[in-house]
Protein backbone atom coordinates (compact mmCIF):
# COMPACT_ATOMS: atom_id res chain seq x y z
CA UNK A 1 118.49 79.72 75.08
CA UNK A 2 119.81 81.97 72.28
CA UNK A 3 117.88 80.01 69.66
CA UNK A 4 114.70 80.33 71.74
CA UNK A 5 115.14 84.08 72.06
CA UNK A 6 115.68 84.50 68.30
CA UNK A 7 112.72 82.28 67.42
CA UNK A 8 110.36 84.11 69.76
CA UNK A 9 111.88 87.59 69.52
CA UNK A 10 108.70 89.19 68.17
CA UNK A 11 106.74 87.66 71.04
CA UNK A 12 109.11 88.74 73.81
CA UNK A 13 110.09 92.20 72.46
CA UNK A 14 107.21 93.98 74.25
CA UNK A 15 108.35 92.37 77.50
CA UNK A 16 111.95 93.46 76.90
CA UNK A 17 110.64 97.04 76.65
CA UNK A 18 108.47 96.54 79.75
CA UNK A 19 111.43 95.11 81.67
CA UNK A 20 113.65 98.02 80.59
CA UNK A 21 111.14 100.71 81.55
CA UNK A 22 110.14 99.05 84.82
CA UNK A 23 113.78 98.57 85.90
CA UNK A 24 114.71 102.16 85.06
CA UNK A 25 111.95 103.31 87.41
CA UNK A 26 112.81 100.68 90.02
CA UNK A 27 116.51 101.45 90.03
CA UNK A 28 115.96 105.20 90.31
CA UNK A 29 113.03 105.20 92.76
CA UNK A 30 113.38 101.89 94.61
CA UNK A 31 110.12 100.35 93.39
CA UNK A 32 107.80 99.39 90.50
CA UNK A 33 109.59 96.59 88.59
CA UNK A 34 107.59 93.82 90.22
CA UNK A 35 104.35 95.79 90.37
CA UNK A 36 104.40 96.84 86.71
CA UNK A 37 105.58 93.45 85.41
CA UNK A 38 103.14 91.44 87.52
CA UNK A 39 100.20 93.66 86.60
CA UNK A 40 100.85 93.16 82.89
CA UNK A 41 101.33 89.40 83.20
CA UNK A 42 98.09 89.07 85.17
CA UNK A 43 96.30 91.18 82.54
CA UNK A 44 97.45 88.63 79.94
CA UNK A 45 95.84 85.84 81.94
CA UNK A 46 98.91 84.35 83.62
CA UNK A 47 97.90 82.75 86.99
CA UNK A 48 99.06 84.74 90.08
CA UNK A 49 101.54 82.09 91.26
CA UNK A 50 103.16 81.78 87.80
CA UNK A 51 103.21 85.56 87.30
CA UNK A 52 104.94 86.10 90.64
CA UNK A 53 107.37 83.22 89.99
CA UNK A 54 108.26 84.59 86.52
CA UNK A 55 108.78 88.14 87.77
CA UNK A 56 110.96 86.99 90.67
CA UNK A 57 113.04 84.77 88.39
CA UNK A 58 113.76 87.79 86.16
CA UNK A 59 114.34 90.00 89.21
CA UNK A 60 116.99 87.62 90.52
CA UNK A 61 119.19 88.78 87.64
CA UNK A 62 118.02 92.41 87.33
CA UNK A 63 118.35 93.08 91.06
CA UNK A 64 121.82 91.49 91.04
CA UNK A 65 123.00 93.97 88.40
CA UNK A 66 121.13 96.79 90.14
CA UNK A 67 122.73 95.91 93.49
CA UNK A 68 126.24 95.98 92.02
CA UNK A 69 125.49 99.33 90.38
CA UNK A 70 124.17 100.87 93.62
CA UNK A 71 127.22 99.58 95.52
CA UNK A 72 129.51 101.09 92.88
CA UNK A 73 127.73 104.46 93.21
CA UNK A 74 127.94 104.26 97.04
CA UNK A 75 124.17 104.31 97.44
CA UNK A 76 124.06 101.52 100.06
CA UNK A 77 123.76 102.02 103.84
CA UNK A 78 125.23 98.72 105.08
CA UNK A 79 123.86 99.11 108.62
CA UNK A 80 120.35 99.47 107.23
CA UNK A 81 121.05 96.54 104.89
CA UNK A 82 121.86 94.29 107.88
CA UNK A 83 118.62 95.30 109.63
CA UNK A 84 116.48 94.50 106.57
CA UNK A 85 117.99 91.33 105.14
CA UNK A 86 116.92 88.60 107.60
CA UNK A 87 113.28 89.67 108.20
CA UNK A 88 112.91 90.39 104.47
CA UNK A 89 113.98 86.87 103.47
CA UNK A 90 111.81 85.27 106.18
CA UNK A 91 108.76 87.22 104.97
CA UNK A 92 109.51 86.44 101.32
CA UNK A 93 109.91 82.69 101.81
CA UNK A 94 106.73 82.56 103.91
CA UNK A 95 104.79 84.49 101.27
CA UNK A 96 106.06 82.32 98.41
CA UNK A 97 105.11 79.16 100.31
CA UNK A 98 101.63 80.54 101.01
CA UNK A 99 101.00 81.61 97.41
CA UNK A 100 102.18 78.21 96.15
CA UNK A 101 99.36 76.58 98.12
CA UNK A 102 96.48 79.12 98.29
CA UNK A 103 95.29 82.32 96.60
CA UNK A 104 96.75 85.18 98.62
CA UNK A 105 95.10 87.97 96.59
CA UNK A 106 92.32 88.77 99.08
CA UNK A 107 94.47 91.13 101.11
CA UNK A 108 95.95 92.93 98.09
CA UNK A 109 93.25 95.67 97.70
CA UNK A 110 93.77 96.78 101.31
CA UNK A 111 97.53 96.99 100.82
CA UNK A 112 97.05 98.99 97.62
CA UNK A 113 94.74 101.46 99.36
CA UNK A 114 97.36 101.90 102.08
CA UNK A 115 100.16 102.42 99.54
CA UNK A 116 98.10 104.95 97.57
CA UNK A 117 97.71 106.99 100.78
CA UNK A 118 101.47 106.73 101.43
CA UNK A 119 102.10 107.94 97.87
CA UNK A 120 99.96 111.04 98.41
CA UNK A 121 101.87 111.81 101.58
CA UNK A 122 105.28 111.39 99.91
CA UNK A 123 104.31 113.75 97.07
CA UNK A 124 103.23 116.33 99.66
CA UNK A 125 106.49 115.81 101.54
CA UNK A 126 108.49 116.24 98.35
CA UNK A 127 107.02 119.70 97.86
CA UNK A 128 107.89 120.54 101.48
CA UNK A 129 111.46 119.24 101.31
CA UNK A 130 113.83 119.16 103.15
CA UNK A 131 112.45 117.16 106.09
CA UNK A 132 114.42 116.46 109.25
CA UNK A 133 116.73 113.52 108.60
CA UNK A 134 116.25 110.73 111.15
CA UNK A 135 117.52 107.20 111.70
CA UNK A 136 114.53 104.90 110.95
CA UNK A 137 113.30 102.91 113.96
CA UNK A 138 110.78 100.50 112.37
CA UNK A 139 112.99 98.44 110.07
CA UNK A 140 112.65 94.72 110.83
CA UNK A 141 108.80 94.74 110.75
CA UNK A 142 108.95 96.55 107.40
CA UNK A 143 111.33 93.94 106.04
CA UNK A 144 109.04 91.12 107.16
CA UNK A 145 105.89 92.73 105.75
CA UNK A 146 107.60 93.84 102.54
CA UNK A 147 109.08 90.41 101.84
CA UNK A 148 105.74 88.68 102.48
CA UNK A 149 103.71 91.04 100.28
CA UNK A 150 106.36 90.96 97.55
CA UNK A 151 106.04 87.18 97.24
CA UNK A 152 102.25 86.98 97.51
CA UNK A 153 101.55 89.95 95.23
CA UNK A 154 104.42 89.68 92.73
CA UNK A 155 105.65 93.10 93.85
CA UNK A 156 105.56 95.11 97.05
CA UNK A 157 109.04 95.08 98.55
CA UNK A 158 109.98 98.50 97.15
CA UNK A 159 106.62 100.24 97.65
CA UNK A 160 106.24 99.07 101.26
CA UNK A 161 109.85 99.30 102.46
CA UNK A 162 111.15 102.31 100.50
CA UNK A 163 108.10 104.48 101.15
CA UNK A 164 107.95 103.75 104.88
CA UNK A 165 111.67 104.30 105.39
CA UNK A 166 111.35 107.67 103.64
CA UNK A 167 108.45 108.59 105.92
CA UNK A 168 110.67 107.80 108.92
CA UNK A 169 113.25 110.27 107.66
CA UNK A 170 115.86 108.08 105.96
CA UNK A 171 118.02 109.50 103.15
CA UNK A 172 116.24 108.99 99.79
CA UNK A 173 119.39 108.04 97.87
CA UNK A 174 120.67 105.53 100.44
CA UNK A 175 117.20 104.14 101.12
CA UNK A 176 116.68 103.39 97.41
CA UNK A 177 120.16 101.89 97.00
CA UNK A 178 119.89 99.74 100.14
CA UNK A 179 116.37 98.49 99.41
CA UNK A 180 117.41 97.53 95.86
CA UNK A 181 120.48 95.69 97.14
CA UNK A 182 118.54 93.70 99.76
CA UNK A 183 116.01 92.87 97.04
CA UNK A 184 118.58 90.73 95.22
CA UNK A 185 118.87 88.31 98.15
CA UNK A 186 115.10 88.45 98.71
CA UNK A 187 114.17 87.61 95.11
CA UNK A 188 116.72 84.79 95.02
CA UNK A 189 115.14 83.23 98.13
CA UNK A 190 111.60 83.68 96.75
CA UNK A 191 112.52 82.20 93.36
CA UNK A 192 114.08 79.13 94.96
CA UNK A 193 110.94 78.65 97.08
CA UNK A 194 108.69 78.87 94.02
CA UNK A 195 110.96 76.46 92.14
CA UNK A 196 110.79 73.88 94.93
CA UNK A 197 106.99 74.06 95.20
CA UNK A 198 105.89 74.73 91.60
CA UNK A 199 108.70 73.38 89.44
CA UNK A 200 110.17 74.86 86.25
CA UNK A 201 106.73 75.04 84.60
CA UNK A 202 105.97 78.09 86.76
CA UNK A 203 108.42 80.17 84.73
CA UNK A 204 107.07 81.53 81.44
CA UNK A 205 108.75 82.69 78.23
CA UNK A 206 107.84 86.25 79.30
CA UNK A 207 110.52 85.86 81.98
CA UNK A 208 113.21 86.04 79.29
CA UNK A 209 111.94 89.39 77.97
CA UNK A 210 111.59 90.90 81.44
CA UNK A 211 115.08 89.68 82.31
CA UNK A 212 116.80 91.07 79.19
CA UNK A 213 115.18 94.50 79.45
CA UNK A 214 115.76 94.73 83.20
CA UNK A 215 119.44 93.77 83.05
CA UNK A 216 120.12 96.38 80.32
CA UNK A 217 118.40 99.14 82.34
CA UNK A 218 119.73 98.31 85.84
CA UNK A 219 123.01 100.31 85.75
CA UNK A 220 121.23 103.46 84.53
CA UNK A 221 118.67 103.39 87.35
CA UNK A 222 121.41 103.37 90.01
CA UNK A 223 123.11 106.31 88.28
CA UNK A 224 119.87 108.31 88.38
CA UNK A 225 119.35 107.58 92.09
CA UNK A 226 122.77 109.07 92.86
CA UNK A 227 122.41 112.25 90.82
CA UNK A 228 118.71 113.17 91.05
CA UNK A 229 117.78 115.69 93.77
CA UNK A 230 116.11 114.26 96.92
CA UNK A 231 113.00 116.43 96.38
CA UNK A 232 112.51 114.88 92.93
CA UNK A 233 113.02 111.38 94.37
CA UNK A 234 110.31 111.97 96.99
CA UNK A 235 107.83 113.23 94.40
CA UNK A 236 108.78 110.45 91.94
CA UNK A 237 108.36 107.68 94.53
CA UNK A 238 105.02 109.11 95.67
CA UNK A 239 103.70 109.50 92.13
CA UNK A 240 104.62 105.96 91.05
CA UNK A 241 103.16 104.60 94.28
CA UNK A 242 99.86 106.44 93.74
CA UNK A 243 99.51 105.47 90.07
CA UNK A 244 100.28 101.76 90.49
CA UNK A 245 98.19 101.39 93.65
CA UNK A 246 95.18 103.28 92.27
CA UNK A 247 95.36 101.24 89.05
CA UNK A 248 95.26 98.05 91.11
CA UNK A 249 92.28 99.30 93.12
CA UNK A 250 90.34 100.32 90.01
CA UNK A 251 91.06 96.93 88.43
CA UNK A 252 89.93 95.14 91.59
CA UNK A 253 86.68 97.12 91.62
CA UNK A 254 85.99 95.87 88.10
CA UNK A 255 86.31 99.09 86.13
CA UNK A 256 89.20 97.60 84.14
CA UNK A 257 88.89 94.17 82.59
């Protein structure tokens, strides 16, 4: 493995930087690692199933480090964790199985349009902070939908689950920490499903770069989530959600090659 990294360092360096930047955003805001990484792999011509498999293989390690960091910074709501974990894994395994057998990209533009609208709302809410804190009611359906879309689209767990929990009034810091921690178990389950159905050939050399950059950045993202003001977290989540979703929509419409 070390010899491979050295031999192909020039090739994987851009993906180390991508993994680092994407994980910094993901760890601090609870989303974007999968979306950013998958978008770039698809732009390079990697098939959707292999792109999603590669990203989730890297995320198995980056989310593990991120989860430990969030736990250390006391960013995890364990009651919320328990409500998310089972439906999230069920949705993720189902989505990975589906994408291994058919092209699940048809629904993606509709999800991106929905997430762009959620992003606009979260930015507005950030400027009108503080909202009334509430215990979120719709948790299990979010976990199921988020896990499914994460597997079929190569990213979606954070955007769907984090944004909707924030809309329901959950604490930004604990929402981000909990969603990131659940994501470790989710990505592990998705990666195993891809491995069983696609084999090792599904995982590309880009996985190594994404993994290295993400693991280095993971502890810093958790630190930011603990110390950044909730208003800034709301605006940051909303902005990232809008930019990534609108980029996906523009690409789908054919304005970007």
